[in-house]
Amino acid sequence: MYYNNVPPPYFGSGAFPWVQGREYPLNFRSPGPIFSPTQDHLQQDRSRGHTHGHGGATTCQDDHVHLHPGVTGTPIETERGHVHKMSGNTTFDDGHIHSYEAFTSPPISLPNGYHTHYAEIRTTEDDGHIHIIRGFTQPSRS
């Protein structure tokens, strides 16, 4: 994820009302998601739509971090705007890897027709701990 990649005006108070008071985006391991994907959502035609790059470092746990390079899936339409599935594995560090699977937030508009998505993802537990991935996808046009 790209931290501090969104211009400052987008960080104002209340800029992300869908984050306040709930765990969002939608981690497959989080209780009570707002959006529950159906098989139809997960089996959309992958040849259509845009994707977003993502990458960065996880939170530091047990004195180490992992990287999580990747590309989102294509858009999945919801009542609140499209989201993207993010899944993959972290890099191999400290003798192990972690897996992650979640959905991004709905789009966050940026200047010149671009948008980004926010994600906050809890990895699988490996070697007795988890890591958190949080940040923004690379900007893209729809």
C-alpha atoms as a PDB file:
ATOM      1  CA  MET A   1       0.000   0.000   0.000  1.00  0.00           C
ATOM      2  CA  TYR A   2       1.105   3.494  -0.549  1.00  0.00           C
ATOM      3  CA  TYR A   3       1.160   5.536   2.618  1.00  0.00           C
ATOM      4  CA  ASN A   4       0.636   9.285   2.365  1.00  0.00           C
ATOM      5  CA  ASN A   5       0.114   8.869  -1.387  1.00  0.00           C
ATOM      6  CA  VAL A   6      -3.224  10.681  -1.432  1.00  0.00           C
ATOM      7  CA  PRO A   7      -3.023  14.489  -1.489  1.00  0.00           C
ATOM      8  CA  PRO A   8      -3.645  16.131   1.938  1.00  0.00           C
ATOM      9  CA  PRO A   9      -7.126  17.551   1.109  1.00  0.00           C
ATOM     10  CA  TYR A  10      -8.437  13.974   1.010  1.00  0.00           C
ATOM     11  CA  PHE A  11      -7.341  13.331   4.612  1.00  0.00           C
ATOM     12  CA  GLY A  12      -9.742  15.837   6.204  1.00  0.00           C
ATOM     13  CA  SER A  13     -11.929  14.946   9.156  1.00  0.00           C
ATOM     14  CA  GLY A  14     -14.713  12.661   8.003  1.00  0.00           C
ATOM     15  CA  ALA A  15     -13.007  12.042   4.642  1.00  0.00           C
ATOM     16  CA  PHE A  16     -13.556   8.315   5.041  1.00  0.00           C
ATOM     17  CA  PRO A  17     -16.928   7.946   6.812  1.00  0.00           C
ATOM     18  CA  TRP A  18     -17.144   4.252   5.905  1.00  0.00           C
ATOM     19  CA  VAL A  19     -14.066   3.560   8.093  1.00  0.00           C
ATOM     20  CA  GLN A  20     -15.435   5.112  11.276  1.00  0.00           C
ATOM     21  CA  GLY A  21     -16.862   2.616  13.753  1.00  0.00           C
ATOM     22  CA  ARG A  22     -16.426  -0.520  11.639  1.00  0.00           C
ATOM     23  CA  GLU A  23     -13.728  -2.720  10.292  1.00  0.00           C
ATOM     24  CA  TYR A  24     -13.658  -1.847   6.620  1.00  0.00           C
ATOM     25  CA  PRO A  25     -12.488  -2.816   4.078  1.00  0.00           C
ATOM     26  CA  LEU A  26     -13.837  -6.278   4.292  1.00  0.00           C
ATOM     27  CA  ASN A  27     -11.346  -8.736   5.625  1.00  0.00           C
ATOM     28  CA  PHE A  28     -12.465 -12.326   5.107  1.00  0.00           C
ATOM     29  CA  ARG A  29     -11.370 -12.992   8.697  1.00  0.00           C
ATOM     30  CA  SER A  30     -13.270 -10.093  10.256  1.00  0.00           C
ATOM     31  CA  PRO A  31     -16.647 -10.558  11.946  1.00  0.00           C
ATOM     32  CA  GLY A  32     -19.820  -9.105  10.452  1.00  0.00           C
ATOM     33  CA  PRO A  33     -18.752  -7.694   7.092  1.00  0.00           C
ATOM     34  CA  ILE A  34     -20.862  -4.993   5.475  1.00  0.00           C
ATOM     35  CA  PHE A  35     -20.580  -6.688   2.091  1.00  0.00           C
ATOM     36  CA  SER A  36     -20.684 -10.443   1.760  1.00  0.00           C
ATOM     37  CA  PRO A  37     -19.522 -11.531  -1.680  1.00  0.00           C
ATOM     38  CA  THR A  38     -21.469 -14.188  -3.484  1.00  0.00           C
ATOM     39  CA  GLN A  39     -20.034 -16.684  -5.928  1.00  0.00           C
ATOM     40  CA  ASP A  40     -21.331 -14.414  -8.723  1.00  0.00           C
ATOM     41  CA  HIS A  41     -19.193 -11.561  -7.382  1.00  0.00           C
ATOM     42  CA  LEU A  42     -16.095 -13.713  -7.102  1.00  0.00           C
ATOM     43  CA  GLN A  43     -16.501 -15.264 -10.545  1.00  0.00           C
ATOM     44  CA  GLN A  44     -16.837 -12.095 -12.588  1.00  0.00           C
ATOM     45  CA  ASP A  45     -15.185 -11.992 -16.005  1.00  0.00           C
ATOM     46  CA  ARG A  46     -11.548 -11.200 -15.222  1.00  0.00           C
ATOM     47  CA  SER A  47     -10.906  -9.884 -18.733  1.00  0.00           C
ATOM     48  CA  ARG A  48     -12.907  -6.704 -18.053  1.00  0.00           C
ATOM     49  CA  GLY A  49     -12.158  -3.738 -15.840  1.00  0.00           C
ATOM     50  CA  HIS A  50      -9.203  -2.029 -14.282  1.00  0.00           C
ATOM     51  CA  THR A  51      -6.894  -3.193 -11.533  1.00  0.00           C
ATOM     52  CA  HIS A  52      -4.656  -1.436  -9.002  1.00  0.00           C
ATOM     53  CA  GLY A  53      -1.129  -2.180  -7.939  1.00  0.00           C
ATOM     54  CA  HIS A  54      -0.398  -2.415  -4.231  1.00  0.00           C
ATOM     55  CA  GLY A  55       2.722  -2.919  -2.220  1.00  0.00           C
ATOM     56  CA  GLY A  56       4.540  -1.869   0.889  1.00  0.00           C
ATOM     57  CA  ALA A  57       5.410  -3.237   4.280  1.00  0.00           C
ATOM     58  CA  THR A  58       3.212  -4.826   6.918  1.00  0.00           C
ATOM     59  CA  THR A  59       3.174  -3.676  10.513  1.00  0.00           C
ATOM     60  CA  CYS A  60       6.160  -4.744  12.602  1.00  0.00           C
ATOM     61  CA  GLN A  61       5.522  -7.797  14.785  1.00  0.00           C
ATOM     62  CA  ASP A  62       8.052 -10.064  16.493  1.00  0.00           C
ATOM     63  CA  ASP A  63      10.835  -7.654  15.384  1.00  0.00           C
ATOM     64  CA  HIS A  64      10.244  -8.017  11.626  1.00  0.00           C
ATOM     65  CA  VAL A  65       8.065  -6.880   8.729  1.00  0.00           C
ATOM     66  CA  HIS A  66       7.029  -8.465   5.429  1.00  0.00           C
ATOM     67  CA  LEU A  67       6.464  -6.916   2.008  1.00  0.00           C
ATOM     68  CA  HIS A  68       3.213  -7.503   0.115  1.00  0.00           C
ATOM     69  CA  PRO A  69       3.602  -6.746  -3.602  1.00  0.00           C
ATOM     70  CA  GLY A  70       0.578  -7.434  -5.770  1.00  0.00           C
ATOM     71  CA  VAL A  71      -2.247  -6.424  -8.069  1.00  0.00           C
ATOM     72  CA  THR A  72      -5.923  -6.297  -7.124  1.00  0.00           C
ATOM     73  CA  GLY A  73      -8.616  -8.209  -8.927  1.00  0.00           C
ATOM     74  CA  THR A  74     -10.957  -6.491 -11.375  1.00  0.00           C
ATOM     75  CA  PRO A  75     -13.862  -4.365 -10.068  1.00  0.00           C
ATOM     76  CA  ILE A  76     -16.748  -5.948  -8.192  1.00  0.00           C
ATOM     77  CA  GLU A  77     -19.829  -3.722  -8.239  1.00  0.00           C
ATOM     78  CA  THR A  78     -21.605  -3.136  -4.922  1.00  0.00           C
ATOM     79  CA  GLU A  79     -24.363  -0.795  -3.743  1.00  0.00           C
ATOM     80  CA  ARG A  80     -21.670   1.585  -2.434  1.00  0.00           C
ATOM     81  CA  GLY A  81     -19.465   1.586  -5.529  1.00  0.00           C
ATOM     82  CA  HIS A  82     -16.966  -0.925  -6.826  1.00  0.00           C
ATOM     83  CA  VAL A  83     -14.433  -2.745  -4.678  1.00  0.00           C
ATOM     84  CA  HIS A  84     -11.503  -5.000  -5.531  1.00  0.00           C
ATOM     85  CA  LYS A  85     -10.440  -8.312  -4.076  1.00  0.00           C
ATOM     86  CA  MET A  86      -6.902  -8.337  -2.700  1.00  0.00           C
ATOM     87  CA  SER A  87      -5.232 -11.638  -1.951  1.00  0.00           C
ATOM     88  CA  GLY A  88      -1.753 -13.043  -1.870  1.00  0.00           C
ATOM     89  CA  ASN A  89       1.211 -13.921   0.260  1.00  0.00           C
ATOM     90  CA  THR A  90       3.755 -11.727   1.959  1.00  0.00           C
ATOM     91  CA  THR A  91       7.457 -12.107   1.362  1.00  0.00           C
ATOM     92  CA  PHE A  92       9.384 -14.817   3.216  1.00  0.00           C
ATOM     93  CA  ASP A  93      10.964 -13.168   6.261  1.00  0.00           C
ATOM     94  CA  ASP A  94      11.979 -14.485   9.683  1.00  0.00           C
ATOM     95  CA  GLY A  95      11.471 -18.063   8.423  1.00  0.00           C
ATOM     96  CA  HIS A  96       7.798 -17.774   7.360  1.00  0.00           C
ATOM     97  CA  ILE A  97       5.174 -16.069   5.177  1.00  0.00           C
ATOM     98  CA  HIS A  98       1.624 -14.838   5.802  1.00  0.00           C
ATOM     99  CA  SER A  99      -1.404 -14.973   3.516  1.00  0.00           C
ATOM    100  CA  TYR A 100      -4.043 -12.280   3.164  1.00  0.00           C
ATOM    101  CA  GLU A 101      -7.430 -11.999   1.485  1.00  0.00           C
ATOM    102  CA  ALA A 102      -9.840  -9.059   1.709  1.00  0.00           C
ATOM    103  CA  PHE A 103     -11.762  -6.442  -0.238  1.00  0.00           C
ATOM    104  CA  THR A 104     -10.792  -2.793  -0.653  1.00  0.00           C
ATOM    105  CA  SER A 105     -13.000   0.126   0.237  1.00  0.00           C
ATOM    106  CA  PRO A 106     -15.234   1.700  -2.410  1.00  0.00           C
ATOM    107  CA  PRO A 107     -13.378   4.172  -4.658  1.00  0.00           C
ATOM    108  CA  ILE A 108     -11.919   7.390  -3.276  1.00  0.00           C
ATOM    109  CA  SER A 109     -11.900  10.096  -5.953  1.00  0.00           C
ATOM    110  CA  LEU A 110      -8.666  11.830  -6.878  1.00  0.00           C
ATOM    111  CA  PRO A 111      -8.033  14.689  -9.323  1.00  0.00           C
ATOM    112  CA  ASN A 112      -8.055  14.209 -13.109  1.00  0.00           C
ATOM    113  CA  GLY A 113     -10.384  11.202 -13.162  1.00  0.00           C
ATOM    114  CA  TYR A 114      -8.227   8.950 -11.006  1.00  0.00           C
ATOM    115  CA  HIS A 115      -9.286   7.075  -7.907  1.00  0.00           C
ATOM    116  CA  THR A 116      -7.727   4.905  -5.223  1.00  0.00           C
ATOM    117  CA  HIS A 117      -8.999   2.464  -2.605  1.00  0.00           C
ATOM    118  CA  TYR A 118      -8.164   2.033   1.071  1.00  0.00           C
ATOM    119  CA  ALA A 119      -7.487  -1.372   2.578  1.00  0.00           C
ATOM    120  CA  GLU A 120      -6.851  -2.607   6.086  1.00  0.00           C
ATOM    121  CA  ILE A 121      -6.129  -6.315   6.136  1.00  0.00           C
ATOM    122  CA  ARG A 122      -5.270  -8.777   8.880  1.00  0.00           C
ATOM    123  CA  THR A 123      -2.894 -11.513   7.671  1.00  0.00           C
ATOM    124  CA  THR A 124      -3.083 -15.161   8.641  1.00  0.00           C
ATOM    125  CA  GLU A 125      -1.401 -16.169  11.876  1.00  0.00           C
ATOM    126  CA  ASP A 126       1.975 -17.753  11.287  1.00  0.00           C
ATOM    127  CA  ASP A 127       4.859 -18.256  13.717  1.00  0.00           C
ATOM    128  CA  GLY A 128       2.509 -17.181  16.531  1.00  0.00           C
ATOM    129  CA  HIS A 129       1.611 -13.705  15.240  1.00  0.00           C
ATOM    130  CA  ILE A 130      -0.275 -11.713  12.599  1.00  0.00           C
ATOM    131  CA  HIS A 131       0.563  -8.523  10.708  1.00  0.00           C
ATOM    132  CA  ILE A 132      -1.672  -5.708   9.493  1.00  0.00           C
ATOM    133  CA  ILE A 133      -1.550  -4.332   5.965  1.00  0.00           C
ATOM    134  CA  ARG A 134      -3.035  -0.859   5.656  1.00  0.00           C
ATOM    135  CA  GLY A 135      -2.876   1.884   3.094  1.00  0.00           C
ATOM    136  CA  PHE A 136      -3.978   2.914  -0.374  1.00  0.00           C
ATOM    137  CA  THR A 137      -3.778   1.204  -3.748  1.00  0.00           C
ATOM    138  CA  GLN A 138      -1.980   2.875  -6.635  1.00  0.00           C
ATOM    139  CA  PRO A 139      -4.240   5.395  -8.378  1.00  0.00           C
ATOM    140  CA  SER A 140      -6.048   4.227 -11.494  1.00  0.00           C
ATOM    141  CA  ARG A 141      -8.729   5.388 -13.886  1.00  0.00           C
ATOM    142  CA  SER A 142     -11.921   3.386 -14.154  1.00  0.00           C
END
